[in-house]
Protein backbone atom coordinates (compact mmCIF):
# COMPACT_ATOMS: atom_id res chain seq x y z
CA UNK A 1 -43.37 -95.83 -96.36
CA UNK A 2 -42.30 -93.62 -99.24
CA UNK A 3 -40.73 -90.45 -97.87
CA UNK A 4 -39.67 -87.62 -100.19
CA UNK A 5 -38.13 -84.17 -99.85
CA UNK A 6 -38.08 -81.29 -102.35
CA UNK A 7 -36.94 -77.68 -102.28
CA UNK A 8 -39.68 -76.37 -104.55
CA UNK A 9 -38.26 -72.83 -104.93
CA UNK A 10 -41.66 -71.11 -104.59
CA UNK A 11 -44.82 -73.13 -104.24
CA UNK A 12 -46.71 -70.32 -105.96
CA UNK A 13 -44.66 -70.95 -109.09
CA UNK A 14 -44.37 -74.72 -108.65
CA UNK A 15 -47.76 -75.92 -107.34
CA UNK A 16 -48.98 -77.48 -110.63
CA UNK A 17 -45.64 -79.31 -110.97
CA UNK A 18 -45.76 -80.56 -107.38
CA UNK A 19 -49.33 -81.81 -107.73
CA UNK A 20 -48.48 -83.50 -111.03
CA UNK A 21 -45.49 -85.22 -109.40
CA UNK A 22 -47.54 -86.32 -106.38
CA UNK A 23 -50.16 -87.93 -108.60
CA UNK A 24 -47.47 -89.77 -110.56
CA UNK A 25 -45.32 -90.98 -107.63
CA UNK A 26 -47.72 -91.10 -104.65
CA UNK A 27 -45.31 -90.68 -101.73
CA UNK A 28 -46.75 -91.21 -98.28
CA UNK A 29 -45.00 -88.08 -97.02
CA UNK A 30 -43.49 -85.13 -98.86
CA UNK A 31 -41.33 -82.52 -97.12
CA UNK A 32 -41.01 -79.20 -98.93
CA UNK A 33 -38.69 -76.26 -98.48
CA UNK A 34 -38.58 -72.70 -99.78
CA UNK A 35 -42.34 -72.50 -100.23
CA UNK A 36 -42.12 -68.68 -99.99
CA UNK A 37 -45.69 -68.54 -98.66
CA UNK A 38 -47.42 -67.26 -95.58
CA UNK A 39 -49.39 -69.85 -93.64
CA UNK A 40 -52.73 -68.41 -94.72
CA UNK A 41 -51.70 -68.66 -98.38
CA UNK A 42 -50.63 -72.31 -98.25
CA UNK A 43 -52.78 -74.33 -100.72
CA UNK A 44 -53.93 -76.98 -98.23
CA UNK A 45 -57.11 -77.66 -100.21
CA UNK A 46 -55.14 -78.62 -103.32
CA UNK A 47 -53.19 -81.21 -101.35
CA UNK A 48 -56.30 -82.38 -99.51
CA UNK A 49 -57.91 -83.13 -102.88
CA UNK A 50 -55.12 -85.67 -103.46
CA UNK A 51 -55.58 -87.21 -100.03
CA UNK A 52 -52.87 -85.32 -98.13
CA UNK A 53 -53.13 -83.50 -94.84
CA UNK A 54 -50.61 -80.72 -94.39
CA UNK A 55 -48.70 -78.49 -92.01
CA UNK A 56 -46.84 -75.35 -93.06
CA UNK A 57 -44.52 -72.83 -91.43
CA UNK A 58 -43.98 -69.66 -93.43
CA UNK A 59 -44.30 -65.89 -93.32
CA UNK A 60 -44.53 -65.14 -97.04
CA UNK A 61 -40.91 -64.19 -97.49
CA UNK A 62 -37.97 -66.24 -98.76
CA UNK A 63 -38.12 -69.41 -96.70
CA UNK A 64 -41.08 -71.55 -95.64
CA UNK A 65 -41.26 -75.29 -94.95
CA UNK A 66 -44.08 -77.81 -95.16
CA UNK A 67 -45.01 -81.45 -94.67
CA UNK A 68 -47.86 -83.16 -96.51
CA UNK A 69 -48.88 -86.68 -95.53
CA UNK A 70 -51.25 -89.48 -96.52
CA UNK A 71 -50.52 -91.40 -93.31
CA UNK A 72 -51.61 -88.88 -90.72
CA UNK A 73 -49.98 -85.77 -89.33
CA UNK A 74 -49.89 -85.35 -85.57
CA UNK A 75 -48.23 -82.93 -83.15
CA UNK A 76 -46.93 -80.37 -85.67
CA UNK A 77 -44.20 -78.15 -84.26
CA UNK A 78 -42.56 -75.13 -85.89
CA UNK A 79 -39.08 -73.71 -85.43
CA UNK A 80 -36.08 -74.64 -83.32
CA UNK A 81 -36.74 -72.05 -80.62
CA UNK A 82 -38.54 -68.75 -80.24
CA UNK A 83 -35.59 -66.80 -81.63
CA UNK A 84 -35.41 -68.96 -84.77
CA UNK A 85 -38.35 -67.22 -86.37
CA UNK A 86 -36.52 -63.91 -86.27
CA UNK A 87 -34.36 -65.33 -89.06
CA UNK A 88 -37.02 -67.07 -91.12
CA UNK A 89 -39.23 -70.14 -91.09
CA UNK A 90 -36.86 -73.05 -91.58
CA UNK A 91 -38.07 -76.08 -89.58
CA UNK A 92 -41.34 -77.93 -89.20
CA UNK A 93 -41.86 -81.32 -87.58
CA UNK A 94 -44.80 -83.71 -87.32
CA UNK A 95 -45.48 -87.37 -86.63
CA UNK A 96 -46.53 -89.16 -89.81
CA UNK A 97 -47.34 -92.86 -89.74
CA UNK A 98 -45.40 -93.32 -86.52
CA UNK A 99 -42.27 -91.51 -87.76
CA UNK A 100 -41.24 -88.13 -86.42
CA UNK A 101 -40.51 -86.23 -89.64
CA UNK A 102 -38.72 -82.89 -89.90
CA UNK A 103 -38.57 -80.69 -92.98
CA UNK A 104 -35.57 -78.36 -92.71
CA UNK A 105 -34.16 -75.55 -94.82
CA UNK A 106 -30.64 -74.79 -93.67
CA UNK A 107 -29.36 -71.23 -94.30
CA UNK A 108 -27.27 -70.80 -97.44
CA UNK A 109 -24.30 -69.03 -95.87
CA UNK A 110 -23.52 -66.94 -98.97
CA UNK A 111 -19.72 -66.70 -98.56
CA UNK A 112 -17.11 -67.76 -96.02
CA UNK A 113 -16.51 -64.18 -94.87
CA UNK A 114 -20.21 -63.34 -94.50
CA UNK A 115 -22.14 -62.96 -91.27
CA UNK A 116 -24.65 -65.28 -92.93
CA UNK A 117 -22.03 -68.03 -92.89
CA UNK A 118 -21.49 -67.59 -89.14
CA UNK A 119 -25.25 -67.70 -88.69
CA UNK A 120 -25.44 -70.91 -90.76
CA UNK A 121 -22.94 -72.65 -88.47
CA UNK A 122 -24.78 -71.42 -85.37
CA UNK A 123 -28.09 -72.59 -86.83
CA UNK A 124 -26.70 -76.05 -87.48
CA UNK A 125 -25.45 -76.21 -83.90
CA UNK A 126 -28.92 -75.22 -82.73
CA UNK A 127 -30.44 -78.04 -84.81
CA UNK A 128 -28.13 -80.52 -83.10
CA UNK A 129 -29.11 -79.11 -79.70
CA UNK A 130 -32.78 -79.34 -80.64
CA UNK A 131 -32.41 -83.04 -81.45
CA UNK A 132 -30.69 -83.56 -78.11
CA UNK A 133 -33.52 -81.77 -76.31
CA UNK A 134 -36.59 -83.08 -78.16
CA UNK A 135 -35.86 -86.42 -79.81
CA UNK A 136 -34.63 -89.92 -78.99
CA UNK A 137 -32.12 -91.46 -81.44
CA UNK A 138 -33.50 -94.93 -80.69
CA UNK A 139 -36.91 -93.87 -82.06
CA UNK A 140 -37.99 -93.47 -85.71
CA UNK A 141 -36.89 -89.96 -86.73
CA UNK A 142 -36.33 -88.58 -90.23
CA UNK A 143 -34.70 -85.20 -90.82
CA UNK A 144 -35.15 -84.25 -94.47
CA UNK A 145 -34.54 -81.20 -96.57
CA UNK A 146 -32.20 -78.74 -98.19
CA UNK A 147 -29.08 -78.72 -96.02
CA UNK A 148 -27.06 -76.45 -98.32
CA UNK A 149 -24.07 -78.71 -97.61
CA UNK A 150 -22.50 -81.29 -99.91
CA UNK A 151 -21.36 -83.98 -97.45
CA UNK A 152 -18.32 -85.13 -99.47
CA UNK A 153 -16.30 -84.17 -102.52
CA UNK A 154 -18.09 -86.92 -104.47
CA UNK A 155 -21.28 -84.89 -103.97
CA UNK A 156 -20.13 -82.03 -106.22
CA UNK A 157 -19.36 -82.17 -109.91
CA UNK A 158 -15.86 -80.67 -109.50
CA UNK A 159 -14.38 -80.10 -106.03
CA UNK A 160 -11.82 -77.67 -107.43
CA UNK A 161 -14.59 -75.44 -108.76
CA UNK A 162 -15.93 -75.01 -105.20
CA UNK A 163 -12.64 -74.34 -103.42
CA UNK A 164 -13.03 -71.49 -100.93
CA UNK A 165 -16.82 -71.49 -101.21
CA UNK A 166 -19.71 -72.37 -98.97
CA UNK A 167 -21.51 -75.74 -99.14
CA UNK A 168 -18.21 -77.66 -99.11
CA UNK A 169 -16.18 -75.98 -96.34
CA UNK A 170 -14.81 -78.09 -93.51
CA UNK A 171 -16.70 -76.19 -90.76
CA UNK A 172 -20.00 -76.86 -92.55
CA UNK A 173 -19.19 -80.51 -93.02
CA UNK A 174 -18.14 -80.81 -89.38
CA UNK A 175 -21.44 -79.23 -88.32
CA UNK A 176 -23.31 -81.78 -90.44
CA UNK A 177 -21.19 -84.56 -88.91
CA UNK A 178 -22.27 -83.34 -85.46
CA UNK A 179 -25.90 -83.68 -86.48
CA UNK A 180 -25.26 -87.16 -87.85
CA UNK A 181 -23.43 -87.99 -84.64
CA UNK A 182 -26.65 -87.51 -82.69
CA UNK A 183 -27.84 -90.76 -84.24
CA UNK A 184 -28.74 -90.11 -87.86
CA UNK A 185 -27.45 -91.67 -91.07
CA UNK A 186 -27.22 -90.11 -94.50
CA UNK A 187 -28.47 -93.26 -96.25
CA UNK A 188 -27.58 -92.12 -99.78
CA UNK A 189 -24.06 -93.68 -99.84
CA UNK A 190 -25.55 -97.10 -99.06
CA UNK A 191 -27.15 -97.09 -102.50
CA UNK A 192 -24.75 -94.84 -104.45
CA UNK A 193 -21.28 -95.45 -102.98
CA UNK A 194 -19.49 -93.76 -105.87
CA UNK A 195 -21.45 -90.51 -105.61
CA UNK A 196 -21.78 -88.35 -108.68
CA UNK A 197 -25.57 -88.09 -108.31
CA UNK A 198 -26.90 -84.62 -107.60
CA UNK A 199 -30.05 -82.91 -106.36
CA UNK A 200 -29.34 -79.28 -107.34
CA UNK A 201 -28.14 -77.59 -110.52
CA UNK A 202 -27.79 -73.86 -111.12
CA UNK A 203 -30.30 -72.46 -113.59
CA UNK A 204 -27.49 -70.62 -115.36
CA UNK A 205 -25.04 -71.75 -117.99
CA UNK A 206 -26.73 -75.01 -118.89
CA UNK A 207 -25.51 -76.54 -115.63
CA UNK A 208 -28.19 -79.23 -115.55
CA UNK A 209 -27.46 -80.54 -119.03
CA UNK A 210 -23.71 -80.38 -118.41
CA UNK A 211 -24.05 -82.31 -115.14
CA UNK A 212 -22.67 -79.47 -113.03
CA UNK A 213 -24.56 -80.25 -109.84
CA UNK A 214 -24.37 -80.82 -106.09
CA UNK A 215 -26.06 -83.18 -103.68
CA UNK A 216 -27.30 -80.88 -100.95
CA UNK A 217 -30.82 -82.28 -100.35
CA UNK A 218 -30.58 -85.05 -97.77
CA UNK A 219 -32.67 -87.70 -96.05
CA UNK A 220 -31.20 -88.45 -92.61
CA UNK A 221 -32.66 -91.40 -90.68
CA UNK A 222 -32.22 -92.90 -87.24
CA UNK A 223 -30.95 -96.46 -87.28
CA UNK A 224 -34.35 -98.08 -86.82
CA UNK A 225 -35.35 -96.50 -90.15
CA UNK A 226 -31.97 -96.61 -91.92
CA UNK A 227 -31.80 -100.37 -91.40
CA UNK A 228 -35.17 -100.69 -93.16
CA UNK A 229 -34.46 -98.30 -96.02
CA UNK A 230 -34.52 -100.33 -99.23
CA UNK A 231 -33.86 -97.53 -101.72
CA UNK A 232 -32.81 -93.91 -101.86
CA UNK A 233 -33.15 -92.28 -105.26
CA UNK A 234 -32.91 -88.81 -106.73
CA UNK A 235 -35.55 -88.14 -109.36
CA UNK A 236 -33.51 -86.34 -112.00
CA UNK A 237 -36.53 -86.14 -114.31
CA UNK A 238 -38.30 -83.80 -111.88
CA UNK A 239 -35.58 -81.21 -112.64
CA UNK A 240 -36.79 -81.14 -116.24
CA UNK A 241 -39.87 -79.44 -117.62
CA UNK A 242 -42.74 -81.74 -116.66
CA UNK A 243 -44.89 -83.76 -119.09
CA UNK A 244 -47.56 -81.07 -118.74
CA UNK A 245 -45.02 -78.33 -119.45
CA UNK A 246 -44.53 -77.02 -115.90
CA UNK A 247 -41.15 -75.39 -115.23
CA UNK A 248 -38.91 -77.02 -112.59
CA UNK A 249 -37.25 -75.89 -109.41
CA UNK A 250 -33.44 -75.75 -109.40
CA UNK A 251 -33.63 -78.68 -106.95
CA UNK A 252 -35.16 -82.06 -107.57
CA UNK A 253 -36.84 -84.67 -105.40
CA UNK A 254 -35.05 -87.16 -103.14
CA UNK A 255 -37.10 -90.30 -102.39
CA UNK A 256 -36.55 -92.91 -99.67
CA UNK A 257 -38.52 -96.16 -99.60
CA UNK A 258 -38.58 -97.64 -96.12
CA UNK A 259 -40.02 -100.95 -94.96
CA UNK A 260 -42.27 -99.35 -92.37
CA UNK A 261 -45.98 -99.84 -91.85
CA UNK A 262 -47.80 -96.63 -91.01
């Protein structure tokens, strides 16, 4: 099973790039975040032409999440609870090839003194509660997406540059640790123990070419999957202009290859 996640930063702007990447890399499942589309505008036919079924949760504003799958897509479920949609479309789950897959887009938080930061922490707590309520950590579950949290200092290009900012604060990292404590593993350190590999770079100031990035896009797996994960890679090339000239998102794709038969 090849499982990938990508904050596409507008599927309207990025659809040709996403389709080009899918044809080249052929993941079994792709989770997407920040589609910025309403459900009735989601380009399901374009994905279907490549052999993917899809599920989308969006209202046409800033958020929006999706899952596309070549290995089936059963029991789609949107949101964490009824009140979640009042703050945007940030979670979708479905069973793909026997794995319960979630595509999540965690709130940004903006700044440590912002009400958006308090909401981010509450949202993360709600995600942990949702896992407690709906999922079994002994079963195959993958929670993938843009977490807007760098798990460790090795996941940012310069910890000092982020002092006093969101994405690296201790409360955010503790909230992520609570989610992991449910029974998930961030498998990235298994394959890149020294860190220094990033999934997001600011568009401004030549950050990508300077290597000024963060790892905030995560693939979290229950142990039955983590033990079978044979690689976890970040496709840095997908952050560049594509071979066909399509402009990139500010995030790139994270890809997990798991020894799992759909």
